[in-house]
C-alpha atoms as a PDB file:
ATOM      1  CA  MET A   1       0.000   0.000   0.000  1.00  0.00           C
ATOM      2  CA  GLY A   2       1.435   3.371  -1.016  1.00  0.00           C
ATOM      3  CA  THR A   3       1.246   6.672   0.811  1.00  0.00           C
ATOM      4  CA  LYS A   4       0.466  10.251  -0.224  1.00  0.00           C
ATOM      5  CA  ASN A   5       1.244  13.568   1.431  1.00  0.00           C
ATOM      6  CA  ILE A   6      -1.562  16.115   1.710  1.00  0.00           C
ATOM      7  CA  SER A   7      -1.789  19.638   3.096  1.00  0.00           C
ATOM      8  CA  LEU A   8      -4.432  20.647   5.627  1.00  0.00           C
ATOM      9  CA  THR A   9      -5.363  23.951   7.158  1.00  0.00           C
ATOM     10  CA  ASP A  10      -4.850  24.197  10.909  1.00  0.00           C
ATOM     11  CA  GLU A  11      -8.629  24.076  11.339  1.00  0.00           C
ATOM     12  CA  ALA A  12      -8.945  20.894   9.267  1.00  0.00           C
ATOM     13  CA  TYR A  13      -6.067  19.276  11.173  1.00  0.00           C
ATOM     14  CA  GLU A  14      -7.599  20.118  14.566  1.00  0.00           C
ATOM     15  CA  THR A  15     -10.986  18.781  13.441  1.00  0.00           C
ATOM     16  CA  LEU A  16      -9.393  15.544  12.266  1.00  0.00           C
ATOM     17  CA  LYS A  17      -7.321  15.281  15.445  1.00  0.00           C
ATOM     18  CA  ALA A  18     -10.447  15.755  17.600  1.00  0.00           C
ATOM     19  CA  ARG A  19     -12.123  12.806  15.858  1.00  0.00           C
ATOM     20  CA  LYS A  20      -9.087  10.565  16.312  1.00  0.00           C
ATOM     21  CA  ARG A  21      -9.569   7.739  18.789  1.00  0.00           C
ATOM     22  CA  GLU A  22      -6.860   6.379  21.055  1.00  0.00           C
ATOM     23  CA  GLY A  23      -4.453   4.204  19.095  1.00  0.00           C
ATOM     24  CA  GLU A  24      -5.979   5.201  15.758  1.00  0.00           C
ATOM     25  CA  SER A  25      -3.921   6.567  12.873  1.00  0.00           C
ATOM     26  CA  PHE A  26      -5.015   9.597  10.873  1.00  0.00           C
ATOM     27  CA  THR A  27      -5.508   7.272   7.895  1.00  0.00           C
ATOM     28  CA  GLU A  28      -7.917   5.174   9.968  1.00  0.00           C
ATOM     29  CA  VAL A  29      -9.809   8.309  11.059  1.00  0.00           C
ATOM     30  CA  ILE A  30     -10.239   9.461   7.478  1.00  0.00           C
ATOM     31  CA  LEU A  31     -11.389   6.039   6.296  1.00  0.00           C
ATOM     32  CA  ARG A  32     -13.796   5.693   9.223  1.00  0.00           C
ATOM     33  CA  GLU A  33     -15.234   9.198   8.855  1.00  0.00           C
ATOM     34  CA  LEU A  34     -15.491   9.230   5.082  1.00  0.00           C
ATOM     35  CA  GLY A  35     -16.455   5.613   4.789  1.00  0.00           C
ATOM     36  CA  GLY A  36     -16.967   4.530   1.279  1.00  0.00           C
ATOM     37  CA  ASP A  37     -19.620   1.862   1.383  1.00  0.00           C
ATOM     38  CA  ASP A  38     -22.661   3.946   2.288  1.00  0.00           C
ATOM     39  CA  ASP A  39     -24.818   1.666   0.167  1.00  0.00           C
ATOM     40  CA  ASP A  40     -23.943  -1.435   2.194  1.00  0.00           C
ATOM     41  CA  ILE A  41     -26.890  -1.845   4.573  1.00  0.00           C
ATOM     42  CA  TRP A  42     -25.217  -4.827   6.260  1.00  0.00           C
ATOM     43  CA  LYS A  43     -22.076  -2.881   7.152  1.00  0.00           C
ATOM     44  CA  GLY A  44     -22.923  -2.361  10.835  1.00  0.00           C
ATOM     45  CA  PHE A  45     -24.089  -5.862  11.629  1.00  0.00           C
ATOM     46  CA  GLY A  46     -21.870  -7.686  14.089  1.00  0.00           C
ATOM     47  CA  LYS A  47     -20.110  -4.591  15.409  1.00  0.00           C
ATOM     48  CA  LEU A  48     -21.606  -5.093  18.858  1.00  0.00           C
ATOM     49  CA  LYS A  49     -21.093  -8.849  18.895  1.00  0.00           C
ATOM     50  CA  GLY A  50     -19.807  -9.875  22.299  1.00  0.00           C
ATOM     51  CA  MET A  51     -20.433  -6.459  23.822  1.00  0.00           C
ATOM     52  CA  ARG A  52     -22.872  -6.362  26.637  1.00  0.00           C
ATOM     53  CA  LEU A  53     -25.416  -3.653  25.962  1.00  0.00           C
ATOM     54  CA  ARG A  54     -25.413  -2.309  29.510  1.00  0.00           C
ATOM     55  CA  GLU A  55     -21.606  -2.043  29.570  1.00  0.00           C
ATOM     56  CA  GLY A  56     -21.592  -0.222  26.251  1.00  0.00           C
ATOM     57  CA  TYR A  57     -24.277   2.174  27.425  1.00  0.00           C
ATOM     58  CA  GLU A  58     -22.475   2.874  30.706  1.00  0.00           C
ATOM     59  CA  LYS A  59     -19.171   3.559  28.941  1.00  0.00           C
ATOM     60  CA  GLN A  60     -20.851   5.926  26.490  1.00  0.00           C
ATOM     61  CA  ARG A  61     -22.573   7.697  29.370  1.00  0.00           C
ATOM     62  CA  GLU A  62     -19.309   8.061  31.330  1.00  0.00           C
ATOM     63  CA  ASP A  63     -17.559   9.464  28.251  1.00  0.00           C
ATOM     64  CA  PHE A  64     -20.417  11.902  27.650  1.00  0.00           C
ATOM     65  CA  ASP A  65     -20.461  13.053  31.282  1.00  0.00           C
ATOM     66  CA  ARG A  66     -16.690  13.554  31.323  1.00  0.00           C
ATOM     67  CA  ASP A  67     -16.752  15.518  28.061  1.00  0.00           C
ATOM     68  CA  PHE A  68     -19.677  17.611  29.304  1.00  0.00           C
ATOM     69  CA  GLU A  69     -17.877  18.475  32.543  1.00  0.00           C
ATOM     70  CA  GLU A  70     -14.724  19.420  30.635  1.00  0.00           C
ATOM     71  CA  ARG A  71     -16.721  21.726  28.358  1.00  0.00           C
ATOM     72  CA  GLN A  72     -18.439  23.299  31.358  1.00  0.00           C
ATOM     73  CA  ASP A  73     -15.062  23.923  32.995  1.00  0.00           C
ATOM     74  CA  GLU A  74     -13.731  25.501  29.798  1.00  0.00           C
ATOM     75  CA  LEU A  75     -16.781  27.722  29.394  1.00  0.00           C
ATOM     76  CA  PHE A  76     -17.305  28.749  32.987  1.00  0.00           C
ATOM     77  CA  GLY A  77     -13.791  28.349  34.402  1.00  0.00           C
ATOM     78  CA  GLN A  78     -14.471  25.995  37.255  1.00  0.00           C
END
């Protein structure tokens, strides 16, 4: 697999960086975000296999609460 160099504005870079998950490369972020197979209705099936619904919900809720508190601190300086 080859590679290409591209130029991004600072704003585009920061947006991409904000969407980057832990351990994920920028290439993986771009592929995940831009997808490619929007017509594949079966694409999402099996993604939650083995994940317990309650655990997934609780993790999402913890992440949301943490992000919300961080935004509140940034906005209101607490």
